Protein backbone atom coordinates (compact mmCIF):
# COMPACT_ATOMS: atom_id res chain seq x y z
CA MET A 1 77.20 97.63 125.02
CA TRP A 2 76.01 99.44 128.23
CA VAL A 3 74.02 95.70 128.93
CA PHE A 4 77.60 94.14 129.05
CA LEU A 5 78.87 96.97 131.48
CA ALA A 6 76.22 96.32 133.77
CA LYS A 7 77.16 92.27 133.58
CA ARG A 8 80.06 93.20 134.44
CA ILE A 9 80.27 95.70 137.40
CA GLY A 10 77.15 93.26 139.08
CA ILE A 11 80.16 90.45 138.54
CA GLY A 12 82.81 92.58 139.96
CA LEU A 13 80.35 93.47 143.21
CA ILE A 14 79.80 89.62 144.07
CA THR A 15 83.79 89.19 143.48
CA ILE A 16 84.39 92.68 146.05
CA TRP A 17 82.48 90.78 148.49
CA ALA A 18 84.08 87.34 148.55
CA LEU A 19 87.55 88.80 148.52
CA SER A 20 86.85 90.66 151.40
CA LEU A 21 85.17 86.86 153.21
CA PHE A 22 88.41 85.54 151.68
CA SER A 23 90.86 88.05 153.31
CA PHE A 24 89.25 88.28 156.61
CA ILE A 25 89.30 84.28 156.52
CA LEU A 26 92.90 84.18 155.65
CA ILE A 27 94.44 86.43 157.96
CA GLN A 28 92.54 84.15 160.93
CA LEU A 29 93.87 81.25 159.93
CA PRO A 30 97.24 81.37 161.74
CA LYS A 31 97.19 80.35 165.42
CA GLY A 32 96.96 82.87 167.89
CA ASP A 33 96.30 86.93 167.34
CA TYR A 34 98.21 89.76 167.70
CA VAL A 35 98.08 89.83 171.36
CA THR A 36 99.91 86.28 171.25
CA SER A 37 102.36 87.39 169.07
CA GLU A 38 102.49 91.06 171.00
CA MET A 39 102.81 88.30 174.68
CA ILE A 40 106.06 86.57 172.78
CA ALA A 41 107.51 89.73 172.21
CA LEU A 42 107.22 90.91 175.85
CA GLN A 43 108.56 87.74 177.28
CA MET A 44 111.75 87.89 174.57
CA GLU A 45 112.38 91.40 176.41
CA GLY A 46 112.04 89.76 179.88
CA GLU A 47 108.81 91.26 180.75
CA ASN A 48 106.15 89.51 182.68
CA VAL A 49 102.70 89.19 181.30
CA THR A 50 99.46 87.84 182.96
CA ASP A 51 96.60 86.68 181.72
CA GLU A 52 94.69 89.82 182.92
CA GLU A 53 96.66 91.65 180.66
CA LEU A 54 96.12 89.85 177.77
CA GLU A 55 92.06 89.27 178.44
CA ASN A 56 92.02 93.36 178.45
CA LEU A 57 94.41 93.52 175.43
CA ARG A 58 92.00 91.02 173.58
CA ILE A 59 88.61 93.03 174.69
CA TYR A 60 90.72 96.58 173.62
CA PHE A 61 90.93 95.17 170.27
CA GLY A 62 88.06 93.13 169.78
CA LEU A 63 89.45 90.15 169.44
CA ASP A 64 87.50 88.72 172.23
CA LYS A 65 84.32 88.97 169.88
CA PRO A 66 83.29 86.07 167.90
CA THR A 67 84.98 85.43 164.53
CA HIS A 68 81.51 86.36 162.30
CA MET A 69 81.18 89.70 164.65
CA GLN A 70 84.76 90.95 164.19
CA TYR A 71 83.75 90.55 160.60
CA LEU A 72 81.02 92.29 160.72
CA SER A 73 82.73 95.37 162.50
CA TRP A 74 85.66 95.33 159.85
CA ILE A 75 83.36 95.02 156.33
CA GLY A 76 81.16 97.22 158.04
CA ASN A 77 84.01 99.80 159.03
CA MET A 78 85.57 98.94 155.06
CA MET A 79 82.06 100.49 153.73
CA ARG A 80 82.52 103.87 155.27
CA GLY A 81 86.01 104.22 154.28
CA ASN A 82 87.10 103.55 157.29
CA LEU A 83 90.10 100.67 156.98
CA GLY A 84 90.61 99.80 160.49
CA TYR A 85 93.29 100.36 163.25
CA SER A 86 96.72 98.98 163.52
CA PHE A 87 97.45 96.90 166.49
CA ALA A 88 100.90 96.58 166.03
CA GLN A 89 101.93 100.74 164.93
CA ARG A 90 98.77 102.03 167.21
CA THR A 91 97.61 104.38 164.32
CA PRO A 92 94.06 104.34 161.93
CA VAL A 93 95.63 102.03 159.03
CA ASN A 94 94.02 105.58 156.42
CA ASP A 95 97.08 107.26 157.93
CA ILE A 96 99.27 104.16 157.36
CA LEU A 97 98.63 103.64 154.07
CA GLY A 98 96.81 107.33 153.03
CA GLN A 99 100.47 108.30 150.62
CA ARG A 100 101.55 104.45 150.34
CA LEU A 101 99.01 103.61 148.62
CA LEU A 102 98.54 106.88 146.49
CA LEU A 103 102.29 106.37 145.46
CA THR A 104 101.76 102.39 145.06
CA VAL A 105 99.30 103.08 142.47
CA LEU A 106 101.19 105.81 140.70
CA TYR A 107 104.19 103.59 140.26
CA ALA A 108 102.03 100.26 139.30
CA VAL A 109 99.60 102.82 136.48
CA THR A 110 102.70 104.30 135.13
CA THR A 111 104.76 101.00 135.26
CA VAL A 112 101.80 99.61 133.10
CA VAL A 113 101.91 102.37 130.98
CA PHE A 114 105.52 101.78 130.01
CA ILE A 115 105.20 97.81 129.50
CA TRP A 116 102.82 99.24 127.02
CA VAL A 117 104.35 101.79 125.32
CA VAL A 118 107.93 99.59 124.94
CA ALA A 119 105.99 96.21 124.20
CA ILE A 120 103.23 96.89 121.78
CA PRO A 121 105.05 98.69 119.24
CA ILE A 122 108.11 96.17 119.40
CA GLY A 123 106.11 92.95 119.70
CA ILE A 124 104.37 94.53 115.99
CA LEU A 125 107.92 95.19 114.81
CA SER A 126 109.12 91.79 115.32
CA ALA A 127 105.84 89.95 114.01
CA VAL A 128 106.08 92.33 110.60
CA ARG A 129 109.63 91.83 110.36
CA GLN A 130 109.56 87.91 111.65
CA TYR A 131 113.59 86.46 111.28
CA SER A 132 114.78 89.26 110.75
CA PHE A 133 117.92 90.80 112.45
CA ALA A 134 115.59 93.17 115.02
CA ASP A 135 113.00 90.07 115.44
CA TYR A 136 116.15 88.03 117.16
CA SER A 137 117.47 90.53 118.85
CA PHE A 138 114.27 91.37 120.63
CA THR A 139 113.55 88.27 121.30
CA THR A 140 116.97 87.42 122.83
CA LEU A 141 116.21 90.40 125.07
CA GLY A 142 112.75 89.33 125.70
CA PHE A 143 114.28 86.11 126.75
CA ILE A 144 116.98 88.22 129.43
CA GLY A 145 114.11 90.08 130.69
CA VAL A 146 111.73 87.17 131.92
CA ALA A 147 115.12 85.18 133.31
CA VAL A 148 116.34 87.93 135.32
CA PRO A 149 114.70 88.62 138.69
CA ASP A 150 113.43 91.64 139.66
CA PHE A 151 115.07 92.38 142.43
CA LEU A 152 118.67 91.36 141.15
CA LEU A 153 118.41 93.76 138.48
CA ALA A 154 117.05 96.15 141.14
CA LEU A 155 120.62 95.62 143.04
CA LEU A 156 122.28 95.56 139.55
CA PHE A 157 121.07 99.46 139.12
CA LEU A 158 122.09 100.21 142.46
CA TRP A 159 125.54 99.20 142.21
CA LEU A 160 125.76 100.93 138.78
CA GLY A 161 124.62 103.92 140.61
CA PHE A 162 127.35 103.31 143.44
CA VAL A 163 129.72 103.02 141.80
CA PHE A 164 130.03 104.92 138.73
CA PHE A 165 127.78 108.16 139.94
CA GLY A 166 128.63 107.47 143.73
CA VAL A 167 124.67 107.91 144.32
CA SER A 168 121.93 105.82 145.68
CA MET A 169 119.46 105.09 143.11
CA GLY A 170 116.88 103.61 145.78
CA GLY A 171 113.63 105.70 147.32
CA LEU A 172 111.35 107.60 145.55
CA PHE A 173 112.13 110.81 147.04
CA SER A 174 115.81 113.05 147.81
CA PRO A 175 116.18 113.06 151.36
CA GLU A 176 114.58 116.85 151.76
CA PHE A 177 111.76 115.82 150.22
CA VAL A 178 111.09 112.41 152.06
CA ASP A 179 108.36 114.49 154.66
CA ALA A 180 107.93 117.51 152.25
CA PRO A 181 104.52 118.59 151.81
CA TRP A 182 103.22 118.17 148.12
CA ASN A 183 104.59 120.68 145.72
CA LEU A 184 105.81 120.91 141.99
CA ALA A 185 109.39 120.60 143.40
CA ARG A 186 108.25 117.32 145.32
CA ILE A 187 106.44 115.88 142.28
CA TRP A 188 109.31 116.68 139.67
CA ASP A 189 111.77 114.91 142.26
CA LEU A 190 109.11 112.01 142.43
CA THR A 191 109.40 111.92 138.63
CA LYS A 192 113.24 111.93 138.13
CA HIS A 193 113.04 108.83 140.70
CA LEU A 194 110.52 106.62 139.14
CA PHE A 195 112.77 105.79 136.53
CA ILE A 196 114.44 103.21 138.16
CA PRO A 197 111.73 101.23 139.72
CA ILE A 198 109.83 101.33 136.56
CA ILE A 199 112.76 99.55 134.26
CA VAL A 200 113.43 97.38 137.09
CA LEU A 201 109.76 95.82 137.48
CA GLY A 202 108.33 96.59 134.02
CA THR A 203 111.62 95.00 132.44
CA SER A 204 109.75 91.14 132.96
CA GLY A 205 106.15 92.54 131.63
CA THR A 206 107.38 93.97 129.13
CA ALA A 207 109.40 90.48 127.77
CA SER A 208 106.29 88.74 128.22
CA LEU A 209 103.70 91.03 126.12
CA ILE A 210 106.32 91.66 123.43
CA ARG A 211 106.19 87.68 123.15
CA ILE A 212 102.48 87.65 123.61
CA VAL A 213 101.72 90.25 120.66
CA ARG A 214 104.34 89.09 118.44
CA ALA A 215 102.88 85.20 118.81
CA ASN A 216 99.07 86.55 118.36
CA LEU A 217 100.27 88.72 115.49
CA LEU A 218 101.88 86.24 113.94
CA ASP A 219 98.33 84.31 113.43
CA GLU A 220 96.09 86.89 112.79
CA LEU A 221 99.18 87.59 109.48
CA HIS A 222 98.28 84.63 107.77
CA LYS A 223 94.54 83.87 107.99
CA PRO A 224 92.12 84.48 104.81
CA TYR A 225 90.67 87.92 106.01
CA VAL A 226 94.41 89.77 105.74
CA VAL A 227 95.14 87.62 102.63
CA ALA A 228 91.79 89.18 100.85
CA ALA A 229 92.46 92.91 102.28
CA ARG A 230 96.10 92.86 100.97
CA ALA A 231 94.56 91.76 97.61
CA ARG A 232 92.16 94.20 97.38
CA GLY A 233 95.26 96.81 97.39
CA LEU A 234 94.91 97.63 101.15
CA ARG A 235 98.32 99.38 101.90
CA GLU A 236 100.31 97.11 104.22
CA TRP A 237 100.63 99.45 107.49
CA ARG A 238 96.95 100.42 107.19
CA LEU A 239 96.22 96.87 106.93
CA ILE A 240 98.04 95.37 109.63
CA ILE A 241 96.74 97.85 112.41
CA LYS A 242 93.11 98.30 111.23
CA TYR A 243 92.38 94.42 111.62
CA PRO A 244 95.21 91.75 112.48
CA VAL A 245 97.13 94.41 114.98
CA ARG A 246 93.51 94.95 117.11
CA LEU A 247 92.73 90.95 117.46
CA ALA A 248 96.08 90.47 118.60
CA LEU A 249 96.07 93.01 121.47
CA ASN A 250 93.13 91.06 123.00
CA PRO A 251 95.44 88.89 125.18
CA ALA A 252 97.77 91.53 125.76
CA VAL A 253 95.23 93.94 127.09
CA SER A 254 93.61 90.81 129.75
CA LEU A 255 97.08 90.76 130.81
CA THR A 256 96.39 94.50 132.25
CA ALA A 257 94.48 93.16 134.76
CA TYR A 258 97.05 90.78 136.83
CA ILE A 259 99.71 93.20 136.23
CA PHE A 260 98.67 95.42 138.11
CA PRO A 261 97.56 93.85 141.25
CA PHE A 262 101.41 92.00 141.04
CA LEU A 263 102.98 95.42 140.77
CA ILE A 264 101.47 96.49 144.19
CA SER A 265 101.76 93.26 145.89
CA GLY A 266 104.14 90.86 144.00
CA SER A 267 106.93 93.49 143.65
CA VAL A 268 107.88 93.08 147.57
CA ILE A 269 111.08 91.99 147.56
CA VAL A 270 112.09 94.71 145.02
CA SER A 271 110.13 96.76 146.97
CA VAL A 272 112.73 96.08 150.44
CA VAL A 273 116.07 96.49 147.69
CA LEU A 274 114.89 99.63 146.59
CA SER A 275 113.41 101.61 149.72
CA LEU A 276 110.42 102.03 147.66
CA PRO A 277 107.55 103.30 150.48
CA THR A 278 105.03 101.47 148.85
CA ILE A 279 102.62 98.95 150.34
CA GLY A 280 104.48 95.82 149.70
CA PRO A 281 106.67 96.18 152.69
CA THR A 282 103.84 97.22 154.93
CA LEU A 283 101.84 94.04 154.21
CA LEU A 284 104.97 91.49 154.73
CA GLN A 285 105.38 93.39 158.23
CA SER A 286 101.44 93.30 159.06
CA LEU A 287 101.40 89.61 158.01
CA LEU A 288 104.55 88.94 160.35
CA GLU A 289 102.71 90.47 163.47
CA GLN A 290 99.40 89.33 162.83
CA ASP A 291 98.31 92.36 162.73
CA LEU A 292 94.87 91.91 161.46
CA GLN A 293 93.24 95.00 160.01
CA LEU A 294 96.34 96.13 158.53
CA ALA A 295 97.27 93.07 156.74
CA GLY A 296 93.28 92.35 156.04
CA ALA A 297 93.11 96.31 154.56
CA ILE A 298 95.86 95.95 152.29
CA ILE A 299 94.92 92.18 150.99
CA PHE A 300 91.20 93.42 150.10
CA LEU A 301 92.75 96.53 148.53
CA VAL A 302 94.63 94.70 146.60
CA GLY A 303 91.96 92.09 145.63
CA VAL A 304 89.60 95.09 144.95
CA MET A 305 91.99 96.76 142.51
CA THR A 306 92.28 93.19 140.51
CA VAL A 307 89.31 93.18 140.27
CA VAL A 308 89.18 96.97 139.04
CA GLY A 309 91.71 96.51 136.42
CA THR A 310 89.88 93.09 135.33
CA LEU A 311 86.75 95.42 134.82
CA ILE A 312 89.12 97.38 133.06
CA SER A 313 90.69 95.16 130.42
CA ASP A 314 86.97 94.22 130.25
CA ILE A 315 85.70 97.47 128.74
CA LEU A 316 88.98 97.72 126.62
CA LEU A 317 88.53 93.87 124.98
CA GLY A 318 84.61 95.14 124.57
CA LEU A 319 85.71 98.51 122.36
CA LEU A 320 88.52 96.08 120.85
CA ASP A 321 86.70 93.51 119.80
CA PRO A 322 82.84 93.78 119.22
CA ARG A 323 81.90 89.98 119.90
CA ILE A 324 83.49 90.07 123.03
CA ARG A 325 80.22 92.41 124.28
CA GLN A 326 77.81 89.61 123.17
CA ALA A 327 79.85 87.38 125.96
């Protein structure tokens, strides 16, 4: 297990370095830079900007240096925990992403837990009771969950809250707790507001995972080792949980590595609709403004979280299936 773990960590570190390079190159691809965007904005406001002023801005932000020097400076700051400086907001990236990143990770982790807690039991029940009323019902709900876009579901919840309860279901805090310091009252308020975003973003993931667990468990239930164990008199549910379920969960665990970063970066529209203070809308705005260090930091952090999610899924897979530890 230790050799398996060391190999996965080594591959993860190499992948993180490659992600840092890719993130930096991706931000550099569009023509121009932040100064170009700033110049266009000032000209639209009727202000005249001289070439000397533009050059001074590039020197001030370090954009006059060669690309490789900018990358080395950027990744060096990253390794020291300094995520850089937001050109557009004139604020350190650490200050911008501090609470947003915390709320985003908390939001994503709770959604993944929700998906697992709901999808795995339902997937097992659908497979064991194949073609029953429960199986057909969950299958229908699963198809609906996959088909309905997340943002449409978010709009539906907002409409229901406003029409029937007269309240807004957006945001993660009540107005009085938005800028309040962390305490038990604020944590409880956050807990109450997490319910709607978790359901909105967890619906499609739950529906997909139900189908995956059901399909894989059905494959395992008809294999010879299950028939042999059943012939030896092993109790049905003990047999199912001990052997087929463990193997059927392998794809479900692997899927978690991809659900986690999607919840962080792929929920931009949902975050905008529900007014969630997460990093998704911040990433969108930074890309539009060509705010290099802010956008690069977010893309890099999302990539790191993908690697961490993959590492966690590899460890869980190694614990579930000893054969994987030999790979």
